[in-house]
Amino acid sequence: MNKLITALYRRMLLATILVLVAAGLCAVIYVRDNTAIKEEEFFCGTVGADSVSYSNTEGRRIFNQNCASCHHIIKKGTGPALKDLDNRFPMDLFKEYLINPANAINKSEYLKKLHKDYGNIKKPSFHLSNSEIEDLIDLFVSKPP
């Protein structure tokens, strides 16, 4: 009788573990789907819908491949939101930040504060070409209506 009860408890424990693992996977999938960049969010840095350039698929690809794991366009993530980036500091400094973050941070009080506010997290180096940087910047800058 004790062996039967022990076997039942083991099966119940295994079933409980499987349910918890399945629930965890569902939660991860739900969170991932709900935090994905949506088409309409991606261009929120623009002033009006008429000024959106949907032709910048290369910039979107670069963002998704290199930036989206830490940044969102309109909300803070591991890194700051990138909406209207050009209204916060000069784009030449942003370009330098993409190429040499430490050097750019030393030149800008804004970047020093931002770096401190986000826990001094070191930005990975992606070795982007000048044209890739320009495509990326095109996604973040505000555009006139």
N, C-alpha and C. Protein backbone atom coordinates (compact mmCIF):
# COMPACT_ATOMS: atom_id res chain seq x y z
N MET A 1 0.82 -1.20 0.00
CA MET A 1 0.00 0.00 0.00
C MET A 1 0.87 1.27 0.00
N ASN A 2 1.95 1.26 0.80
CA ASN A 2 2.85 2.42 0.85
C ASN A 2 3.50 2.67 -0.50
N LYS A 3 3.86 1.61 -1.23
CA LYS A 3 4.47 1.77 -2.55
C LYS A 3 3.49 2.41 -3.52
N LEU A 4 2.22 2.05 -3.44
CA LEU A 4 1.19 2.61 -4.31
C LEU A 4 1.02 4.10 -4.02
N ILE A 5 0.97 4.45 -2.75
CA ILE A 5 0.82 5.87 -2.37
C ILE A 5 2.05 6.66 -2.81
N THR A 6 3.23 6.11 -2.62
CA THR A 6 4.47 6.78 -3.04
C THR A 6 4.47 6.99 -4.56
N ALA A 7 4.06 5.98 -5.31
CA ALA A 7 4.00 6.10 -6.77
C ALA A 7 3.00 7.17 -7.18
N LEU A 8 1.85 7.24 -6.51
CA LEU A 8 0.85 8.27 -6.82
C LEU A 8 1.38 9.67 -6.53
N TYR A 9 2.07 9.83 -5.39
CA TYR A 9 2.65 11.13 -5.05
C TYR A 9 3.69 11.55 -6.08
N ARG A 10 4.51 10.62 -6.52
CA ARG A 10 5.51 10.94 -7.54
C ARG A 10 4.86 11.39 -8.83
N ARG A 11 3.81 10.70 -9.24
CA ARG A 11 3.10 11.09 -10.46
C ARG A 11 2.45 12.46 -10.31
N MET A 12 1.87 12.70 -9.14
CA MET A 12 1.25 14.01 -8.90
C MET A 12 2.31 15.11 -8.91
N LEU A 13 3.46 14.83 -8.31
CA LEU A 13 4.55 15.80 -8.29
C LEU A 13 5.05 16.07 -9.71
N LEU A 14 5.23 15.03 -10.50
CA LEU A 14 5.66 15.19 -11.88
C LEU A 14 4.63 15.98 -12.69
N ALA A 15 3.35 15.68 -12.51
CA ALA A 15 2.30 16.40 -13.22
C ALA A 15 2.30 17.87 -12.82
N THR A 16 2.48 18.16 -11.55
CA THR A 16 2.53 19.54 -11.06
C THR A 16 3.71 20.29 -11.68
N ILE A 17 4.86 19.65 -11.73
CA ILE A 17 6.04 20.27 -12.33
C ILE A 17 5.80 20.56 -13.81
N LEU A 18 5.20 19.61 -14.52
CA LEU A 18 4.92 19.82 -15.94
C LEU A 18 3.95 20.98 -16.15
N VAL A 19 2.94 21.09 -15.31
CA VAL A 19 1.98 22.20 -15.41
C VAL A 19 2.68 23.53 -15.16
N LEU A 20 3.56 23.57 -14.14
CA LEU A 20 4.28 24.81 -13.84
C LEU A 20 5.22 25.21 -14.99
N VAL A 21 5.90 24.25 -15.58
CA VAL A 21 6.78 24.54 -16.71
C VAL A 21 5.97 25.06 -17.90
N ALA A 22 4.85 24.42 -18.17
CA ALA A 22 3.99 24.86 -19.28
C ALA A 22 3.48 26.27 -19.03
N ALA A 23 3.07 26.56 -17.79
CA ALA A 23 2.58 27.90 -17.44
C ALA A 23 3.70 28.93 -17.61
N GLY A 24 4.91 28.56 -17.21
CA GLY A 24 6.04 29.47 -17.37
C GLY A 24 6.33 29.77 -18.83
N LEU A 25 6.28 28.76 -19.67
CA LEU A 25 6.50 28.97 -21.10
C LEU A 25 5.42 29.85 -21.70
N CYS A 26 4.17 29.63 -21.28
CA CYS A 26 3.08 30.48 -21.77
C CYS A 26 3.30 31.93 -21.36
N ALA A 27 3.76 32.15 -20.13
CA ALA A 27 4.00 33.51 -19.65
C ALA A 27 5.11 34.17 -20.46
N VAL A 28 6.19 33.45 -20.74
CA VAL A 28 7.29 34.00 -21.53
C VAL A 28 6.81 34.36 -22.93
N ILE A 29 6.05 33.49 -23.54
CA ILE A 29 5.53 33.77 -24.88
C ILE A 29 4.60 34.97 -24.86
N TYR A 30 3.74 35.07 -23.85
CA TYR A 30 2.81 36.19 -23.75
C TYR A 30 3.57 37.50 -23.59
N VAL A 31 4.54 37.54 -22.68
CA VAL A 31 5.31 38.76 -22.46
C VAL A 31 6.08 39.13 -23.71
N ARG A 32 6.69 38.16 -24.36
CA ARG A 32 7.47 38.45 -25.57
C ARG A 32 6.57 39.01 -26.66
N ASP A 33 5.39 38.42 -26.87
CA ASP A 33 4.48 38.91 -27.90
C ASP A 33 3.96 40.30 -27.59
N ASN A 34 3.75 40.61 -26.32
CA ASN A 34 3.19 41.91 -25.96
C ASN A 34 4.23 43.01 -25.87
N THR A 35 5.52 42.66 -25.87
CA THR A 35 6.55 43.70 -25.84
C THR A 35 7.22 43.85 -27.20
N ALA A 36 6.80 43.09 -28.17
CA ALA A 36 7.39 43.21 -29.51
C ALA A 36 7.07 44.58 -30.10
N ILE A 37 7.95 45.07 -30.90
CA ILE A 37 7.73 46.37 -31.55
C ILE A 37 6.67 46.20 -32.62
N LYS A 38 5.64 46.98 -32.49
CA LYS A 38 4.56 46.95 -33.48
C LYS A 38 4.86 47.98 -34.55
N GLU A 39 4.34 47.76 -35.72
CA GLU A 39 4.59 48.65 -36.85
C GLU A 39 4.26 50.10 -36.50
N GLU A 40 3.12 50.32 -35.83
CA GLU A 40 2.74 51.70 -35.54
C GLU A 40 3.61 52.33 -34.45
N GLU A 41 4.17 51.52 -33.54
CA GLU A 41 5.07 52.05 -32.52
C GLU A 41 6.43 52.39 -33.11
N PHE A 42 6.82 51.67 -34.12
CA PHE A 42 8.16 51.79 -34.64
C PHE A 42 8.45 53.17 -35.16
N PHE A 43 7.43 53.84 -35.66
CA PHE A 43 7.62 55.15 -36.23
C PHE A 43 7.03 56.26 -35.37
N CYS A 44 6.91 56.00 -34.08
CA CYS A 44 6.29 56.99 -33.21
C CYS A 44 7.13 58.25 -33.06
N GLY A 45 8.38 58.22 -33.46
CA GLY A 45 9.22 59.39 -33.40
C GLY A 45 8.84 60.44 -34.43
N THR A 46 7.94 60.10 -35.32
CA THR A 46 7.51 61.06 -36.33
C THR A 46 6.38 61.92 -35.79
N VAL A 47 6.22 63.06 -36.40
CA VAL A 47 5.19 63.98 -35.95
C VAL A 47 3.81 63.57 -36.42
N GLY A 48 3.69 63.18 -37.66
CA GLY A 48 2.39 62.79 -38.18
C GLY A 48 2.51 61.57 -39.07
N ALA A 49 1.40 60.91 -39.28
CA ALA A 49 1.42 59.68 -40.09
C ALA A 49 1.90 59.95 -41.51
N ASP A 50 1.64 61.15 -42.01
CA ASP A 50 2.04 61.46 -43.39
C ASP A 50 3.55 61.55 -43.54
N SER A 51 4.26 61.79 -42.44
CA SER A 51 5.71 61.94 -42.53
C SER A 51 6.46 60.63 -42.33
N VAL A 52 5.74 59.54 -42.14
CA VAL A 52 6.39 58.25 -41.91
C VAL A 52 6.97 57.71 -43.20
N SER A 53 8.23 57.28 -43.13
CA SER A 53 8.87 56.66 -44.28
C SER A 53 8.91 55.15 -44.05
N TYR A 54 8.01 54.43 -44.70
CA TYR A 54 7.97 52.99 -44.54
C TYR A 54 9.04 52.31 -45.39
N SER A 55 9.79 53.06 -46.14
CA SER A 55 10.78 52.47 -47.01
C SER A 55 12.08 52.14 -46.28
N ASN A 56 12.22 52.56 -45.04
CA ASN A 56 13.46 52.34 -44.31
C ASN A 56 13.46 50.95 -43.66
N THR A 57 13.34 49.94 -44.47
CA THR A 57 13.35 48.58 -43.93
C THR A 57 14.74 48.20 -43.43
N GLU A 58 15.77 48.78 -44.00
CA GLU A 58 17.13 48.47 -43.55
C GLU A 58 17.35 49.00 -42.13
N GLY A 59 16.87 50.20 -41.85
CA GLY A 59 16.97 50.75 -40.50
C GLY A 59 16.22 49.90 -39.49
N ARG A 60 15.04 49.45 -39.87
CA ARG A 60 14.26 48.58 -38.98
C ARG A 60 15.00 47.27 -38.73
N ARG A 61 15.61 46.72 -39.76
CA ARG A 61 16.36 45.47 -39.60
C ARG A 61 17.53 45.67 -38.65
N ILE A 62 18.25 46.76 -38.82
CA ILE A 62 19.41 47.05 -37.97
C ILE A 62 18.95 47.24 -36.53
N PHE A 63 17.86 47.98 -36.33
CA PHE A 63 17.33 48.18 -34.98
C PHE A 63 16.95 46.85 -34.35
N ASN A 64 16.18 46.03 -35.06
CA ASN A 64 15.74 44.75 -34.51
C ASN A 64 16.91 43.83 -34.20
N GLN A 65 17.93 43.87 -35.03
CA GLN A 65 19.08 42.99 -34.85
C GLN A 65 20.00 43.45 -33.73
N ASN A 66 20.14 44.75 -33.55
CA ASN A 66 21.15 45.26 -32.62
C ASN A 66 20.62 46.00 -31.40
N CYS A 67 19.45 46.60 -31.49
CA CYS A 67 19.01 47.53 -30.45
C CYS A 67 17.78 47.07 -29.65
N ALA A 68 16.89 46.34 -30.31
CA ALA A 68 15.58 46.05 -29.73
C ALA A 68 15.64 45.23 -28.45
N SER A 69 16.72 44.53 -28.20
CA SER A 69 16.79 43.74 -26.97
C SER A 69 16.89 44.65 -25.74
N CYS A 70 17.36 45.86 -25.90
CA CYS A 70 17.49 46.79 -24.77
C CYS A 70 16.62 48.04 -24.90
N HIS A 71 16.30 48.44 -26.11
CA HIS A 71 15.59 49.70 -26.34
C HIS A 71 14.22 49.49 -26.97
N HIS A 72 13.33 50.41 -26.62
CA HIS A 72 12.03 50.52 -27.28
C HIS A 72 11.99 51.93 -27.86
N ILE A 73 11.03 52.16 -28.71
CA ILE A 73 10.93 53.49 -29.29
C ILE A 73 10.28 54.47 -28.31
N ILE A 74 9.15 54.09 -27.71
CA ILE A 74 8.39 55.05 -26.90
C ILE A 74 8.45 54.80 -25.40
N LYS A 75 9.04 53.70 -24.95
CA LYS A 75 9.10 53.45 -23.51
C LYS A 75 10.49 52.99 -23.13
N LYS A 76 10.80 53.19 -21.86
CA LYS A 76 12.11 52.79 -21.35
C LYS A 76 12.19 51.27 -21.28
N GLY A 77 13.37 50.77 -21.53
CA GLY A 77 13.65 49.34 -21.38
C GLY A 77 14.92 49.24 -20.55
N THR A 78 15.80 48.33 -20.92
CA THR A 78 17.11 48.28 -20.28
C THR A 78 17.88 49.55 -20.62
N GLY A 79 17.55 50.11 -21.78
CA GLY A 79 18.11 51.39 -22.21
C GLY A 79 16.97 52.38 -22.41
N PRO A 80 17.30 53.65 -22.65
CA PRO A 80 16.26 54.67 -22.79
C PRO A 80 15.43 54.53 -24.06
N ALA A 81 14.24 55.12 -24.03
CA ALA A 81 13.40 55.19 -25.23
C ALA A 81 14.13 56.02 -26.28
N LEU A 82 13.87 55.74 -27.54
CA LEU A 82 14.62 56.40 -28.61
C LEU A 82 13.79 57.39 -29.42
N LYS A 83 12.57 57.64 -29.00
CA LYS A 83 11.71 58.60 -29.70
C LYS A 83 12.34 59.99 -29.69
N ASP A 84 12.28 60.64 -30.83
CA ASP A 84 12.78 62.02 -30.97
C ASP A 84 14.19 62.19 -30.42
N LEU A 85 15.03 61.26 -30.73
CA LEU A 85 16.41 61.25 -30.24
C LEU A 85 17.13 62.54 -30.59
N ASP A 86 16.84 63.07 -31.76
CA ASP A 86 17.53 64.28 -32.21
C ASP A 86 17.15 65.52 -31.40
N ASN A 87 16.05 65.47 -30.65
CA ASN A 87 15.66 66.60 -29.81
C ASN A 87 16.39 66.60 -28.48
N ARG A 88 17.08 65.51 -28.16
CA ARG A 88 17.76 65.41 -26.87
C ARG A 88 19.25 65.70 -26.93
N PHE A 89 19.87 65.36 -28.02
CA PHE A 89 21.28 65.69 -28.20
C PHE A 89 21.66 65.55 -29.66
N PRO A 90 22.80 66.13 -30.05
CA PRO A 90 23.18 66.18 -31.47
C PRO A 90 23.41 64.78 -32.06
N MET A 91 23.02 64.64 -33.30
CA MET A 91 23.16 63.34 -33.96
C MET A 91 24.61 62.97 -34.22
N ASP A 92 25.49 63.96 -34.39
CA ASP A 92 26.90 63.61 -34.55
C ASP A 92 27.45 62.97 -33.28
N LEU A 93 26.96 63.40 -32.11
CA LEU A 93 27.36 62.78 -30.86
C LEU A 93 26.77 61.37 -30.74
N PHE A 94 25.55 61.19 -31.23
CA PHE A 94 24.95 59.85 -31.22
C PHE A 94 25.73 58.91 -32.12
N LYS A 95 26.13 59.41 -33.28
CA LYS A 95 26.95 58.58 -34.18
C LYS A 95 28.24 58.16 -33.48
N GLU A 96 28.88 59.12 -32.80
CA GLU A 96 30.10 58.80 -32.07
C GLU A 96 29.82 57.79 -30.97
N TYR A 97 28.67 57.93 -30.31
CA TYR A 97 28.29 56.99 -29.25
C TYR A 97 28.16 55.57 -29.80
N LEU A 98 27.61 55.44 -31.00
CA LEU A 98 27.48 54.11 -31.60
C LEU A 98 28.84 53.51 -31.94
N ILE A 99 29.79 54.35 -32.30
CA ILE A 99 31.12 53.88 -32.69
C ILE A 99 32.03 53.71 -31.48
N ASN A 100 32.02 54.72 -30.59
CA ASN A 100 32.91 54.71 -29.43
C ASN A 100 32.16 55.27 -28.21
N PRO A 101 31.37 54.44 -27.53
CA PRO A 101 30.53 54.92 -26.43
C PRO A 101 31.29 55.65 -25.33
N ALA A 102 32.41 55.11 -24.89
CA ALA A 102 33.15 55.73 -23.78
C ALA A 102 33.60 57.14 -24.13
N ASN A 103 34.08 57.34 -25.33
CA ASN A 103 34.53 58.66 -25.76
C ASN A 103 33.36 59.65 -25.80
N ALA A 104 32.21 59.21 -26.34
CA ALA A 104 31.04 60.09 -26.43
C ALA A 104 30.51 60.43 -25.04
N ILE A 105 30.50 59.47 -24.15
CA ILE A 105 30.01 59.72 -22.78
C ILE A 105 30.87 60.76 -22.09
N ASN A 106 32.17 60.71 -22.30
CA ASN A 106 33.08 61.69 -21.69
C ASN A 106 32.86 63.10 -22.23
N LYS A 107 32.28 63.23 -23.41
CA LYS A 107 32.07 64.54 -24.03
C LYS A 107 30.72 65.17 -23.67
N SER A 108 29.81 64.41 -23.07
CA SER A 108 28.45 64.90 -22.91
C SER A 108 27.92 64.68 -21.51
N GLU A 109 27.49 65.76 -20.87
CA GLU A 109 26.88 65.65 -19.54
C GLU A 109 25.56 64.86 -19.62
N TYR A 110 24.83 65.07 -20.71
CA TYR A 110 23.57 64.34 -20.90
C TYR A 110 23.84 62.84 -20.94
N LEU A 111 24.84 62.42 -21.73
CA LEU A 111 25.15 61.00 -21.82
C LEU A 111 25.71 60.45 -20.51
N LYS A 112 26.47 61.27 -19.79
CA LYS A 112 26.98 60.83 -18.48
C LYS A 112 25.82 60.55 -17.53
N LYS A 113 24.85 61.46 -17.49
CA LYS A 113 23.69 61.28 -16.62
C LYS A 113 22.87 60.06 -17.06
N LEU A 114 22.65 59.94 -18.34
CA LEU A 114 21.89 58.81 -18.88
C LEU A 114 22.58 57.49 -18.54
N HIS A 115 23.87 57.47 -18.73
CA HIS A 115 24.65 56.27 -18.43
C HIS A 115 24.53 55.90 -16.95
N LYS A 116 24.61 56.91 -16.08
CA LYS A 116 24.47 56.67 -14.65
C LYS A 116 23.05 56.21 -14.30
N ASP A 117 22.04 56.86 -14.90
CA ASP A 117 20.64 56.51 -14.61
C ASP A 117 20.31 55.07 -14.98
N TYR A 118 21.02 54.53 -15.96
CA TYR A 118 20.77 53.15 -16.40
C TYR A 118 21.82 52.18 -15.86
N GLY A 119 22.38 52.52 -14.71
CA GLY A 119 23.26 51.59 -14.01
C GLY A 119 24.62 51.38 -14.64
N ASN A 120 25.10 52.37 -15.39
CA ASN A 120 26.42 52.28 -16.03
C ASN A 120 26.57 51.01 -16.88
N ILE A 121 25.49 50.60 -17.50
CA ILE A 121 25.53 49.43 -18.37
C ILE A 121 26.36 49.75 -19.60
N LYS A 122 27.27 48.88 -19.92
CA LYS A 122 28.13 49.09 -21.08
C LYS A 122 27.39 48.69 -22.34
N LYS A 123 27.32 49.61 -23.29
CA LYS A 123 26.68 49.32 -24.57
C LYS A 123 27.61 48.44 -25.39
N PRO A 124 27.06 47.35 -25.93
CA PRO A 124 27.90 46.51 -26.78
C PRO A 124 28.28 47.24 -28.07
N SER A 125 29.39 46.86 -28.64
CA SER A 125 29.83 47.45 -29.90
C SER A 125 29.33 46.58 -31.04
N PHE A 126 28.66 47.20 -32.00
CA PHE A 126 28.07 46.45 -33.10
C PHE A 126 28.83 46.60 -34.40
N HIS A 127 29.80 47.49 -34.46
CA HIS A 127 30.60 47.70 -35.66
C HIS A 127 29.72 47.97 -36.88
N LEU A 128 28.90 49.01 -36.77
CA LEU A 128 28.00 49.39 -37.86
C LEU A 128 28.74 50.29 -38.86
N SER A 129 28.39 50.15 -40.11
CA SER A 129 28.95 51.03 -41.13
C SER A 129 28.27 52.40 -41.04
N ASN A 130 28.84 53.39 -41.71
CA ASN A 130 28.24 54.74 -41.72
C ASN A 130 26.83 54.71 -42.31
N SER A 131 26.62 53.95 -43.37
CA SER A 131 25.28 53.90 -43.97
C SER A 131 24.29 53.20 -43.04
N GLU A 132 24.74 52.18 -42.30
CA GLU A 132 23.86 51.52 -41.34
C GLU A 132 23.49 52.48 -40.21
N ILE A 133 24.44 53.27 -39.77
CA ILE A 133 24.17 54.26 -38.72
C ILE A 133 23.16 55.29 -39.22
N GLU A 134 23.31 55.75 -40.44
CA GLU A 134 22.37 56.71 -41.01
C GLU A 134 20.97 56.12 -41.13
N ASP A 135 20.87 54.86 -41.56
CA ASP A 135 19.56 54.19 -41.64
C ASP A 135 18.93 54.07 -40.26
N LEU A 136 19.73 53.77 -39.27
CA LEU A 136 19.25 53.64 -37.91
C LEU A 136 18.77 54.98 -37.36
N ILE A 137 19.55 56.01 -37.57
CA ILE A 137 19.19 57.35 -37.09
C ILE A 137 17.88 57.81 -37.72
N ASP A 138 17.67 57.47 -38.97
CA ASP A 138 16.45 57.88 -39.66
C ASP A 138 15.19 57.39 -38.95
N LEU A 139 15.30 56.31 -38.21
CA LEU A 139 14.14 55.79 -37.47
C LEU A 139 13.83 56.61 -36.22
N PHE A 140 14.84 57.21 -35.63
CA PHE A 140 14.68 57.85 -34.33
C PHE A 140 14.43 59.35 -34.37
N VAL A 141 14.79 59.98 -35.47
CA VAL A 141 14.68 61.44 -35.51
C VAL A 141 13.24 61.89 -35.74
N SER A 142 12.91 63.03 -35.19
CA SER A 142 11.60 63.60 -35.43
C SER A 142 11.58 64.18 -36.84
N LYS A 143 10.48 64.03 -37.49
CA LYS A 143 10.37 64.51 -38.87
C LYS A 143 9.25 65.57 -38.94
N PRO A 144 9.47 66.62 -39.68
CA PRO A 144 8.43 67.65 -39.78
C PRO A 144 7.20 67.10 -40.52
N PRO A 145 6.02 67.59 -40.15
CA PRO A 145 4.79 67.13 -40.83
C PRO A 145 4.74 67.56 -42.28
